[in-house]
PDB file of N, CA and C in Angstrom:
ATOM      1  N   MET A   1     149.514  70.418 149.540  1.00  0.00           N
ATOM      2  CA  MET A   1     148.680  71.179 150.436  1.00  0.00           C
ATOM      3  C   MET A   1     149.573  71.636 151.610  1.00  0.00           C
ATOM      4  N   SER A   2     149.433  72.901 152.017  1.00  0.00           N
ATOM      5  CA  SER A   2     150.229  73.571 153.006  1.00  0.00           C
ATOM      6  C   SER A   2     149.868  73.092 154.409  1.00  0.00           C
ATOM      7  N   LYS A   3     150.529  73.231 155.204  1.00  0.00           N
ATOM      8  CA  LYS A   3     150.411  72.801 156.717  1.00  0.00           C
ATOM      9  C   LYS A   3     149.232  73.615 157.175  1.00  0.00           C
ATOM     10  N   MET A   4     149.257  75.087 156.853  1.00  0.00           N
ATOM     11  CA  MET A   4     148.310  75.855 157.375  1.00  0.00           C
ATOM     12  C   MET A   4     146.898  75.436 156.843  1.00  0.00           C
ATOM     13  N   LYS A   5     146.742  75.141 155.460  1.00  0.00           N
ATOM     14  CA  LYS A   5     145.567  74.734 154.904  1.00  0.00           C
ATOM     15  C   LYS A   5     145.107  73.479 155.546  1.00  0.00           C
ATOM     16  N   LEU A   6     145.960  72.564 155.901  1.00  0.00           N
ATOM     17  CA  LEU A   6     145.804  71.148 156.493  1.00  0.00           C
ATOM     18  C   LEU A   6     145.009  71.465 157.881  1.00  0.00           C
ATOM     19  N   ALA A   7     145.759  72.325 158.723  1.00  0.00           N
ATOM     20  CA  ALA A   7     145.255  72.587 159.956  1.00  0.00           C
ATOM     21  C   ALA A   7     143.928  73.261 159.976  1.00  0.00           C
ATOM     22  N   LEU A   8     143.773  74.267 158.997  1.00  0.00           N
ATOM     23  CA  LEU A   8     142.356  74.938 158.852  1.00  0.00           C
ATOM     24  C   LEU A   8     141.286  73.792 158.482  1.00  0.00           C
ATOM     25  N   ASP A   9     141.639  72.913 157.736  1.00  0.00           N
ATOM     26  CA  ASP A   9     140.602  71.847 157.517  1.00  0.00           C
ATOM     27  C   ASP A   9     140.334  70.893 158.584  1.00  0.00           C
ATOM     28  N   VAL A  10     141.371  70.681 159.390  1.00  0.00           N
ATOM     29  CA  VAL A  10     141.153  69.930 160.713  1.00  0.00           C
ATOM     30  C   VAL A  10     140.203  70.894 161.603  1.00  0.00           C
ATOM     31  N   VAL A  11     140.474  72.012 161.725  1.00  0.00           N
ATOM     32  CA  VAL A  11     139.621  72.732 162.743  1.00  0.00           C
ATOM     33  C   VAL A  11     138.079  72.791 162.156  1.00  0.00           C
ATOM     34  N   THR A  12     137.784  72.811 160.894  1.00  0.00           N
ATOM     35  CA  THR A  12     136.520  72.976 160.362  1.00  0.00           C
ATOM     36  C   THR A  12     135.955  71.514 160.617  1.00  0.00           C
ATOM     37  N   ASP A  13     136.806  70.439 160.410  1.00  0.00           N
ATOM     38  CA  ASP A  13     136.103  69.115 160.682  1.00  0.00           C
ATOM     39  C   ASP A  13     135.663  68.943 162.101  1.00  0.00           C
ATOM     40  N   LEU A  14     136.669  69.558 162.980  1.00  0.00           N
ATOM     41  CA  LEU A  14     136.338  69.405 164.467  1.00  0.00           C
ATOM     42  C   LEU A  14     135.019  70.245 164.790  1.00  0.00           C
ATOM     43  N   ARG A  15     134.829  71.447 164.101  1.00  0.00           N
ATOM     44  CA  ARG A  15     133.653  72.099 164.430  1.00  0.00           C
ATOM     45  C   ARG A  15     132.494  71.450 163.903  1.00  0.00           C
ATOM     46  N   ASN A  16     132.543  70.923 162.703  1.00  0.00           N
ATOM     47  CA  ASN A  16     131.483  69.970 162.235  1.00  0.00           C
ATOM     48  C   ASN A  16     131.161  68.895 163.175  1.00  0.00           C
ATOM     49  N   LEU A  17     132.063  68.215 163.638  1.00  0.00           N
ATOM     50  CA  LEU A  17     131.910  67.036 164.509  1.00  0.00           C
ATOM     51  C   LEU A  17     131.311  67.581 165.732  1.00  0.00           C
ATOM     52  N   ALA A  18     131.767  68.730 166.446  1.00  0.00           N
ATOM     53  CA  ALA A  18     131.087  69.137 167.728  1.00  0.00           C
ATOM     54  C   ALA A  18     129.633  69.547 167.499  1.00  0.00           C
ATOM     55  N   GLY A  19     129.375  69.999 166.282  1.00  0.00           N
ATOM     56  CA  GLY A  19     127.868  70.383 165.957  1.00  0.00           C
ATOM     57  C   GLY A  19     127.048  69.159 165.991  1.00  0.00           C
ATOM     58  N   SER A  20     127.590  68.170 165.304  1.00  0.00           N
ATOM     59  CA  SER A  20     127.077  66.816 165.101  1.00  0.00           C
ATOM     60  C   SER A  20     126.772  66.153 166.549  1.00  0.00           C
ATOM     61  N   ILE A  21     127.829  66.172 167.310  1.00  0.00           N
ATOM     62  CA  ILE A  21     127.569  65.554 168.596  1.00  0.00           C
ATOM     63  C   ILE A  21     126.599  66.268 169.399  1.00  0.00           C
ATOM     64  N   GLU A  22     126.493  67.700 169.289  1.00  0.00           N
ATOM     65  CA  GLU A  22     125.563  68.424 170.056  1.00  0.00           C
ATOM     66  C   GLU A  22     124.014  68.038 169.652  1.00  0.00           C
ATOM     67  N   THR A  23     124.036  67.918 168.399  1.00  0.00           N
ATOM     68  CA  THR A  23     122.638  67.476 167.772  1.00  0.00           C
ATOM     69  C   THR A  23     122.367  66.178 168.132  1.00  0.00           C
ATOM     70  N   LEU A  24     123.213  65.142 168.285  1.00  0.00           N
ATOM     71  CA  LEU A  24     123.113  63.794 168.664  1.00  0.00           C
ATOM     72  C   LEU A  24     122.689  63.816 170.178  1.00  0.00           C
ATOM     73  N   VAL A  25     123.360  64.524 171.127  1.00  0.00           N
ATOM     74  CA  VAL A  25     123.041  64.563 172.403  1.00  0.00           C
ATOM     75  C   VAL A  25     121.589  64.992 172.616  1.00  0.00           C
ATOM     76  N   PHE A  26     121.264  66.180 171.893  1.00  0.00           N
ATOM     77  CA  PHE A  26     120.046  66.814 172.092  1.00  0.00           C
ATOM     78  C   PHE A  26     118.866  65.636 171.687  1.00  0.00           C
ATOM     79  N   ALA A  27     119.115  65.100 170.550  1.00  0.00           N
ATOM     80  CA  ALA A  27     118.067  64.009 170.009  1.00  0.00           C
ATOM     81  C   ALA A  27     118.014  62.815 171.087  1.00  0.00           C
ATOM     82  N   LEU A  28     119.170  62.361 171.804  1.00  0.00           N
ATOM     83  CA  LEU A  28     119.151  61.298 172.580  1.00  0.00           C
ATOM     84  C   LEU A  28     118.355  61.827 173.929  1.00  0.00           C
ATOM     85  N   GLU A  29     118.551  63.049 174.398  1.00  0.00           N
ATOM     86  CA  GLU A  29     117.958  63.682 175.529  1.00  0.00           C
ATOM     87  C   GLU A  29     116.436  63.584 175.282  1.00  0.00           C
ATOM     88  N   ASN A  30     115.981  64.032 174.166  1.00  0.00           N
ATOM     89  CA  ASN A  30     114.612  64.219 173.948  1.00  0.00           C
ATOM     90  C   ASN A  30     113.986  62.590 173.732  1.00  0.00           C
ATOM     91  N   ASN A  31     114.846  61.645 173.319  1.00  0.00           N
ATOM     92  CA  ASN A  31     114.198  60.327 173.233  1.00  0.00           C
ATOM     93  C   ASN A  31     114.186  59.606 174.622  1.00  0.00           C
ATOM     94  N   GLN A  32     115.193  60.013 175.446  1.00  0.00           N
ATOM     95  CA  GLN A  32     115.068  59.454 176.832  1.00  0.00           C
ATOM     96  C   GLN A  32     113.923  60.061 177.641  1.00  0.00           C
ATOM     97  N   MET A  33     113.656  61.330 177.412  1.00  0.00           N
ATOM     98  CA  MET A  33     112.558  62.070 178.123  1.00  0.00           C
ATOM     99  C   MET A  33     111.198  61.419 177.749  1.00  0.00           C
ATOM    100  N   ASP A  34     110.938  61.000 176.438  1.00  0.00           N
ATOM    101  CA  ASP A  34     109.910  60.479 175.944  1.00  0.00           C
ATOM    102  C   ASP A  34     109.690  58.958 176.620  1.00  0.00           C
ATOM    103  N   SER A  35     110.823  58.235 176.617  1.00  0.00           N
ATOM    104  CA  SER A  35     110.688  56.813 177.064  1.00  0.00           C
ATOM    105  C   SER A  35     110.734  56.647 178.544  1.00  0.00           C
ATOM    106  N   ALA A  36     110.877  57.924 179.252  1.00  0.00           N
ATOM    107  CA  ALA A  36     110.873  57.858 180.653  1.00  0.00           C
ATOM    108  C   ALA A  36     109.697  58.189 181.234  1.00  0.00           C
ATOM    109  N   ALA A  37     108.653  58.468 180.394  1.00  0.00           N
ATOM    110  CA  ALA A  37     107.250  58.863 180.868  1.00  0.00           C
ATOM    111  C   ALA A  37     106.686  57.560 181.372  1.00  0.00           C
ATOM    112  N   PRO A  38     105.838  57.782 182.402  1.00  0.00           N
ATOM    113  CA  PRO A  38     105.120  56.561 182.955  1.00  0.00           C
ATOM    114  C   PRO A  38     104.331  55.815 181.839  1.00  0.00           C
ATOM    115  N   VAL A  39     104.098  54.613 182.139  1.00  0.00           N
ATOM    116  CA  VAL A  39     103.452  53.787 181.198  1.00  0.00           C
ATOM    117  C   VAL A  39     102.017  54.341 180.965  1.00  0.00           C
ATOM    118  N   GLU A  40     101.417  54.647 182.020  1.00  0.00           N
ATOM    119  CA  GLU A  40     100.006  55.182 181.973  1.00  0.00           C
ATOM    120  C   GLU A  40      99.811  56.371 181.079  1.00  0.00           C
ATOM    121  N   LYS A  41     100.710  57.284 181.251  1.00  0.00           N
ATOM    122  CA  LYS A  41     100.692  58.442 180.451  1.00  0.00           C
ATOM    123  C   LYS A  41     100.937  58.286 179.028  1.00  0.00           C
ATOM    124  N   ARG A  42     101.881  57.304 178.793  1.00  0.00           N
ATOM    125  CA  ARG A  42     102.202  56.859 177.312  1.00  0.00           C
ATOM    126  C   ARG A  42     100.763  56.169 176.722  1.00  0.00           C
ATOM    127  N   GLU A  43     100.250  55.416 177.576  1.00  0.00           N
ATOM    128  CA  GLU A  43      98.996  54.647 177.068  1.00  0.00           C
ATOM    129  C   GLU A  43      97.887  55.781 176.736  1.00  0.00           C
ATOM    130  N   ALA A  44      97.776  56.715 177.607  1.00  0.00           N
ATOM    131  CA  ALA A  44      96.714  57.694 177.493  1.00  0.00           C
ATOM    132  C   ALA A  44      96.946  58.583 176.300  1.00  0.00           C
ATOM    133  N   LYS A  45      98.207  58.725 175.944  1.00  0.00           N
ATOM    134  CA  LYS A  45      98.466  59.565 174.780  1.00  0.00           C
ATOM    135  C   LYS A  45      98.147  58.683 173.512  1.00  0.00           C
ATOM    136  N   LYS A  46      98.402  57.472 173.494  1.00  0.00           N
ATOM    137  CA  LYS A  46      97.978  56.501 172.572  1.00  0.00           C
ATOM    138  C   LYS A  46      96.469  56.621 172.205  1.00  0.00           C
ATOM    139  N   ASN A  47      95.755  56.364 173.335  1.00  0.00           N
ATOM    140  CA  ASN A  47      94.256  56.165 173.217  1.00  0.00           C
ATOM    141  C   ASN A  47      93.557  57.687 173.048  1.00  0.00           C
ATOM    142  N   LYS A  48      94.385  58.637 173.276  1.00  0.00           N
ATOM    143  CA  LYS A  48      93.611  60.158 173.307  1.00  0.00           C
ATOM    144  C   LYS A  48      93.295  60.420 171.750  1.00  0.00           C
ATOM    145  N   GLU A  49      91.977  60.844 171.456  1.00  0.00           N
ATOM    146  CA  GLU A  49      91.617  61.252 170.151  1.00  0.00           C
ATOM    147  C   GLU A  49      92.466  62.499 169.830  1.00  0.00           C
ATOM    148  N   PRO A  50      92.720  62.628 168.555  1.00  0.00           N
ATOM    149  CA  PRO A  50      93.348  63.878 168.033  1.00  0.00           C
ATOM    150  C   PRO A  50      92.484  64.976 168.053  1.00  0.00           C
ATOM    151  N   LYS A  51      93.039  66.066 168.770  1.00  0.00           N
ATOM    152  CA  LYS A  51      92.187  67.266 168.883  1.00  0.00           C
ATOM    153  C   LYS A  51      91.947  67.868 167.467  1.00  0.00           C
ATOM    154  N   LYS A  52      90.759  68.456 167.352  1.00  0.00           N
ATOM    155  CA  LYS A  52      90.335  69.117 166.191  1.00  0.00           C
ATOM    156  C   LYS A  52      90.886  70.509 166.174  1.00  0.00           C
ATOM    157  N   THR A  53      91.608  70.894 165.153  1.00  0.00           N
ATOM    158  CA  THR A  53      91.908  72.288 165.169  1.00  0.00           C
ATOM    159  C   THR A  53      91.259  73.174 163.960  1.00  0.00           C
ATOM    160  N   THR A  54      91.210  74.405 164.300  1.00  0.00           N
ATOM    161  CA  THR A  54      90.589  75.337 163.263  1.00  0.00           C
ATOM    162  C   THR A  54      91.619  75.704 162.150  1.00  0.00           C
ATOM    163  N   GLN A  55      92.799  75.514 162.410  1.00  0.00           N
ATOM    164  CA  GLN A  55      93.988  75.850 161.443  1.00  0.00           C
ATOM    165  C   GLN A  55      94.267  74.509 160.683  1.00  0.00           C
ATOM    166  N   PRO A  56      94.515  74.818 159.318  1.00  0.00           N
ATOM    167  CA  PRO A  56      94.975  73.677 158.579  1.00  0.00           C
ATOM    168  C   PRO A  56      96.389  73.065 159.100  1.00  0.00           C
ATOM    169  N   GLN A  57      96.671  71.931 158.862  1.00  0.00           N
ATOM    170  CA  GLN A  57      97.790  71.144 159.421  1.00  0.00           C
ATOM    171  C   GLN A  57      99.026  71.877 158.593  1.00  0.00           C
ATOM    172  N   GLU A  58      98.995  72.276 157.405  1.00  0.00           N
ATOM    173  CA  GLU A  58     100.030  73.016 156.767  1.00  0.00           C
ATOM    174  C   GLU A  58     100.518  74.260 157.549  1.00  0.00           C
ATOM    175  N   ALA A  59      99.649  74.866 158.235  1.00  0.00           N
ATOM    176  CA  ALA A  59     100.000  76.219 158.759  1.00  0.00           C
ATOM    177  C   ALA A  59     100.722  75.967 160.036  1.00  0.00           C
ATOM    178  N   LYS A  60     100.850  74.737 160.582  1.00  0.00           N
ATOM    179  CA  LYS A  60     101.609  74.497 161.764  1.00  0.00           C
ATOM    180  C   LYS A  60     103.089  74.261 161.336  1.00  0.00           C
ATOM    181  N   LEU A  61     103.883  75.092 161.992  1.00  0.00           N
ATOM    182  CA  LEU A  61     105.299  75.129 161.643  1.00  0.00           C
ATOM    183  C   LEU A  61     106.105  73.985 162.458  1.00  0.00           C
ATOM    184  N   PRO A  62     107.118  73.324 161.937  1.00  0.00           N
ATOM    185  CA  PRO A  62     107.901  72.497 162.518  1.00  0.00           C
ATOM    186  C   PRO A  62     108.649  73.133 163.773  1.00  0.00           C
ATOM    187  N   THR A  63     108.862  72.352 164.830  1.00  0.00           N
ATOM    188  CA  THR A  63     109.603  72.982 165.900  1.00  0.00           C
ATOM    189  C   THR A  63     111.198  72.824 165.664  1.00  0.00           C
ATOM    190  N   LEU A  64     111.898  73.383 166.372  1.00  0.00           N
ATOM    191  CA  LEU A  64     113.487  73.216 166.437  1.00  0.00           C
ATOM    192  C   LEU A  64     113.811  71.878 166.667  1.00  0.00           C
ATOM    193  N   GLU A  65     113.075  71.203 167.458  1.00  0.00           N
ATOM    194  CA  GLU A  65     113.287  69.786 167.833  1.00  0.00           C
ATOM    195  C   GLU A  65     113.071  68.769 166.577  1.00  0.00           C
ATOM    196  N   ASP A  66     111.970  69.225 165.852  1.00  0.00           N
ATOM    197  CA  ASP A  66     111.670  68.447 164.781  1.00  0.00           C
ATOM    198  C   ASP A  66     112.806  68.514 163.585  1.00  0.00           C
ATOM    199  N   VAL A  67     113.164  69.705 163.423  1.00  0.00           N
ATOM    200  CA  VAL A  67     114.302  70.081 162.440  1.00  0.00           C
ATOM    201  C   VAL A  67     115.692  69.362 162.762  1.00  0.00           C
ATOM    202  N   ARG A  68     115.951  69.577 164.111  1.00  0.00           N
ATOM    203  CA  ARG A  68     117.152  69.066 164.740  1.00  0.00           C
ATOM    204  C   ARG A  68     117.261  67.518 164.590  1.00  0.00           C
ATOM    205  N   ALA A  69     116.094  66.848 164.821  1.00  0.00           N
ATOM    206  CA  ALA A  69     116.094  65.403 164.730  1.00  0.00           C
ATOM    207  C   ALA A  69     116.418  64.917 163.308  1.00  0.00           C
ATOM    208  N   LYS A  70     115.663  65.629 162.319  1.00  0.00           N
ATOM    209  CA  LYS A  70     115.951  65.312 160.916  1.00  0.00           C
ATOM    210  C   LYS A  70     117.363  65.504 160.552  1.00  0.00           C
ATOM    211  N   LEU A  71     118.037  66.664 160.860  1.00  0.00           N
ATOM    212  CA  LEU A  71     119.409  66.837 160.513  1.00  0.00           C
ATOM    213  C   LEU A  71     120.294  65.854 161.250  1.00  0.00           C
ATOM    214  N   ALA A  72     119.978  65.584 162.472  1.00  0.00           N
ATOM    215  CA  ALA A  72     120.856  64.596 163.305  1.00  0.00           C
ATOM    216  C   ALA A  72     120.816  63.305 162.522  1.00  0.00           C
ATOM    217  N   ALA A  73     119.717  62.823 162.153  1.00  0.00           N
ATOM    218  CA  ALA A  73     119.608  61.655 161.434  1.00  0.00           C
ATOM    219  C   ALA A  73     120.447  61.734 160.096  1.00  0.00           C
ATOM    220  N   LEU A  74     120.469  62.726 159.400  1.00  0.00           N
ATOM    221  CA  LEU A  74     121.206  62.923 158.208  1.00  0.00           C
ATOM    222  C   LEU A  74     122.715  62.909 158.734  1.00  0.00           C
ATOM    223  N   SER A  75     123.039  63.653 159.584  1.00  0.00           N
ATOM    224  CA  SER A  75     124.492  63.582 159.983  1.00  0.00           C
ATOM    225  C   SER A  75     124.928  62.225 160.454  1.00  0.00           C
ATOM    226  N   GLN A  76     124.074  61.539 161.117  1.00  0.00           N
ATOM    227  CA  GLN A  76     124.437  60.169 161.404  1.00  0.00           C
ATOM    228  C   GLN A  76     124.610  59.199 160.259  1.00  0.00           C
ATOM    229  N   ALA A  77     123.952  59.683 159.155  1.00  0.00           N
ATOM    230  CA  ALA A  77     124.082  58.801 157.991  1.00  0.00           C
ATOM    231  C   ALA A  77     125.256  59.223 157.122  1.00  0.00           C
ATOM    232  N   GLY A  78     126.047  60.101 157.705  1.00  0.00           N
ATOM    233  CA  GLY A  78     127.450  60.415 157.122  1.00  0.00           C
ATOM    234  C   GLY A  78     127.324  61.605 156.247  1.00  0.00           C
ATOM    235  N   LYS A  79     126.399  62.506 156.452  1.00  0.00           N
ATOM    236  CA  LYS A  79     126.154  63.643 155.605  1.00  0.00           C
ATOM    237  C   LYS A  79     126.249  65.017 156.462  1.00  0.00           C
ATOM    238  N   GLN A  80     127.334  64.903 157.408  1.00  0.00           N
ATOM    239  CA  GLN A  80     127.571  65.965 158.157  1.00  0.00           C
ATOM    240  C   GLN A  80     127.978  67.249 157.227  1.00  0.00           C
ATOM    241  N   VAL A  81     128.698  67.012 156.292  1.00  0.00           N
ATOM    242  CA  VAL A  81     129.086  68.235 155.392  1.00  0.00           C
ATOM    243  C   VAL A  81     127.984  68.989 154.874  1.00  0.00           C
ATOM    244  N   GLN A  82     127.118  68.148 154.157  1.00  0.00           N
ATOM    245  CA  GLN A  82     125.850  68.613 153.545  1.00  0.00           C
ATOM    246  C   GLN A  82     125.097  69.220 154.517  1.00  0.00           C
ATOM    247  N   VAL A  83     124.797  68.786 155.720  1.00  0.00           N
ATOM    248  CA  VAL A  83     124.148  69.416 156.798  1.00  0.00           C
ATOM    249  C   VAL A  83     124.578  70.735 157.014  1.00  0.00           C
ATOM    250  N   LYS A  84     125.786  70.941 157.383  1.00  0.00           N
ATOM    251  CA  LYS A  84     126.339  72.039 157.644  1.00  0.00           C
ATOM    252  C   LYS A  84     126.521  73.117 156.549  1.00  0.00           C
ATOM    253  N   GLU A  85     126.437  72.599 155.146  1.00  0.00           N
ATOM    254  CA  GLU A  85     126.357  73.477 154.051  1.00  0.00           C
ATOM    255  C   GLU A  85     124.851  73.999 153.878  1.00  0.00           C
ATOM    256  N   LEU A  86     123.926  73.086 154.371  1.00  0.00           N
ATOM    257  CA  LEU A  86     122.574  73.377 154.274  1.00  0.00           C
ATOM    258  C   LEU A  86     122.243  74.772 155.282  1.00  0.00           C
ATOM    259  N   ILE A  87     122.837  74.183 156.520  1.00  0.00           N
ATOM    260  CA  ILE A  87     122.612  75.490 157.519  1.00  0.00           C
ATOM    261  C   ILE A  87     123.296  76.869 157.076  1.00  0.00           C
ATOM    262  N   THR A  88     124.491  76.693 156.537  1.00  0.00           N
ATOM    263  CA  THR A  88     125.164  77.917 156.125  1.00  0.00           C
ATOM    264  C   THR A  88     124.374  78.519 154.974  1.00  0.00           C
ATOM    265  N   GLY A  89     123.806  77.659 154.246  1.00  0.00           N
ATOM    266  CA  GLY A  89     123.010  78.201 153.092  1.00  0.00           C
ATOM    267  C   GLY A  89     121.885  78.955 153.305  1.00  0.00           C
ATOM    268  N   PHE A  90     121.368  78.884 154.589  1.00  0.00           N
ATOM    269  CA  PHE A  90     120.277  79.854 155.120  1.00  0.00           C
ATOM    270  C   PHE A  90     120.829  80.913 155.920  1.00  0.00           C
ATOM    271  N   GLY A  91     122.073  81.180 155.800  1.00  0.00           N
ATOM    272  CA  GLY A  91     122.687  82.233 156.403  1.00  0.00           C
ATOM    273  C   GLY A  91     123.000  82.318 157.805  1.00  0.00           C
ATOM    274  N   ALA A  92     123.174  81.034 158.300  1.00  0.00           N
ATOM    275  CA  ALA A  92     123.437  80.845 159.691  1.00  0.00           C
ATOM    276  C   ALA A  92     124.713  79.974 159.985  1.00  0.00           C
ATOM    277  N   LYS A  93     125.168  80.198 161.327  1.00  0.00           N
ATOM    278  CA  LYS A  93     126.398  79.426 161.567  1.00  0.00           C
ATOM    279  C   LYS A  93     125.936  78.168 162.320  1.00  0.00           C
ATOM    280  N   LYS A  94     124.801  78.243 162.957  1.00  0.00           N
ATOM    281  CA  LYS A  94     124.154  77.063 163.710  1.00  0.00           C
ATOM    282  C   LYS A  94     122.713  76.923 163.430  1.00  0.00           C
ATOM    283  N   LEU A  95     122.131  75.761 163.722  1.00  0.00           N
ATOM    284  CA  LEU A  95     120.737  75.578 163.517  1.00  0.00           C
ATOM    285  C   LEU A  95     119.951  76.632 164.255  1.00  0.00           C
ATOM    286  N   SER A  96     120.174  76.932 165.295  1.00  0.00           N
ATOM    287  CA  SER A  96     119.309  77.738 166.325  1.00  0.00           C
ATOM    288  C   SER A  96     119.366  79.212 165.740  1.00  0.00           C
ATOM    289  N   ASP A  97     120.159  79.524 164.914  1.00  0.00           N
ATOM    290  CA  ASP A  97     120.217  80.953 164.344  1.00  0.00           C
ATOM    291  C   ASP A  97     119.229  81.178 163.278  1.00  0.00           C
ATOM    292  N   ILE A  98     118.684  80.037 162.712  1.00  0.00           N
ATOM    293  CA  ILE A  98     117.744  80.028 161.639  1.00  0.00           C
ATOM    294  C   ILE A  98     116.364  80.279 162.114  1.00  0.00           C
ATOM    295  N   GLN A  99     115.668  81.157 161.437  1.00  0.00           N
ATOM    296  CA  GLN A  99     114.333  81.702 161.934  1.00  0.00           C
ATOM    297  C   GLN A  99     113.376  80.494 161.731  1.00  0.00           C
ATOM    298  N   VAL A 100     112.283  80.537 162.692  1.00  0.00           N
ATOM    299  CA  VAL A 100     111.411  79.507 162.623  1.00  0.00           C
ATOM    300  C   VAL A 100     110.675  79.190 161.371  1.00  0.00           C
ATOM    301  N   GLU A 101     110.296  80.533 160.956  1.00  0.00           N
ATOM    302  CA  GLU A 101     109.450  80.569 159.582  1.00  0.00           C
ATOM    303  C   GLU A 101     110.072  79.755 158.506  1.00  0.00           C
ATOM    304  N   LYS A 102     111.398  79.549 158.553  1.00  0.00           N
ATOM    305  CA  LYS A 102     112.112  79.092 157.557  1.00  0.00           C
ATOM    306  C   LYS A 102     112.344  77.487 157.712  1.00  0.00           C
ATOM    307  N   TYR A 103     111.793  76.957 158.826  1.00  0.00           N
ATOM    308  CA  TYR A 103     111.967  75.674 159.101  1.00  0.00           C
ATOM    309  C   TYR A 103     111.369  74.630 158.189  1.00  0.00           C
ATOM    310  N   PRO A 104     110.135  74.954 157.584  1.00  0.00           N
ATOM    311  CA  PRO A 104     109.550  74.100 156.536  1.00  0.00           C
ATOM    312  C   PRO A 104     110.401  73.998 155.269  1.00  0.00           C
ATOM    313  N   GLU A 105     110.944  75.212 154.839  1.00  0.00           N
ATOM    314  CA  GLU A 105     111.949  75.156 153.624  1.00  0.00           C
ATOM    315  C   GLU A 105     113.020  74.454 153.954  1.00  0.00           C
ATOM    316  N   LEU A 106     113.660  74.475 155.162  1.00  0.00           N
ATOM    317  CA  LEU A 106     114.859  73.908 155.528  1.00  0.00           C
ATOM    318  C   LEU A 106     114.631  72.382 155.470  1.00  0.00           C
ATOM    319  N   LEU A 107     113.526  71.902 156.034  1.00  0.00           N
ATOM    320  CA  LEU A 107     113.303  70.431 156.027  1.00  0.00           C
ATOM    321  C   LEU A 107     112.942  69.932 154.700  1.00  0.00           C
ATOM    322  N   GLU A 108     112.496  70.687 153.793  1.00  0.00           N
ATOM    323  CA  GLU A 108     112.252  70.448 152.345  1.00  0.00           C
ATOM    324  C   GLU A 108     113.496  70.221 151.716  1.00  0.00           C
ATOM    325  N   GLU A 109     114.534  71.154 151.984  1.00  0.00           N
ATOM    326  CA  GLU A 109     115.868  70.977 151.283  1.00  0.00           C
ATOM    327  C   GLU A 109     116.587  69.643 151.981  1.00  0.00           C
ATOM    328  N   ALA A 110     116.308  69.399 153.209  1.00  0.00           N
ATOM    329  CA  ALA A 110     116.896  68.226 154.075  1.00  0.00           C
ATOM    330  C   ALA A 110     116.524  66.984 153.405  1.00  0.00           C
ATOM    331  N   GLU A 111     115.386  66.823 152.908  1.00  0.00           N
ATOM    332  CA  GLU A 111     114.627  65.764 152.319  1.00  0.00           C
ATOM    333  C   GLU A 111     115.329  65.420 151.011  1.00  0.00           C
ATOM    334  N   LYS A 112     115.872  66.581 150.282  1.00  0.00           N
ATOM    335  CA  LYS A 112     116.564  66.350 148.949  1.00  0.00           C
ATOM    336  C   LYS A 112     117.934  65.626 149.204  1.00  0.00           C
ATOM    337  N   LEU A 113     118.470  65.574 150.378  1.00  0.00           N
ATOM    338  CA  LEU A 113     119.866  65.176 150.689  1.00  0.00           C
ATOM    339  C   LEU A 113     120.032  63.634 150.550  1.00  0.00           C
TER     340      LEU A 113
END
C-alpha cells in the first residue's frame, strides 16, 4: 500500500471519528437536558395522559434527534463505517443533509445493521 493511500485512509478514518464524536456529544447533550429537568416536571410528564391525535402514529415522522440517537448507538457499538456508508447511501455527506421524509427509511435500514 502506498504512503498516499495510507494517508487518505487515515484522513477518512479521522473524518468518520469526528462525525461519531459529534453524534455522541449531541446525544449526551440531549440526555443531560432531559435529566436536568426538575423532578416535578418529570413526574408530571410520567403521569400525563397521552394526547389523542387525529393522525395515525405511522404518519408521524421521526426527528433528527431520534435518527441521530439511533446512529450514535450503532457507532458506539463499533459500526461507524456502516453508519457512514448508510448516510452516504442516501446521497448525503452528513446526517443533517438527509431529507426529513427519508428518516423512516433510514431508521429501517439502520435496524438491519
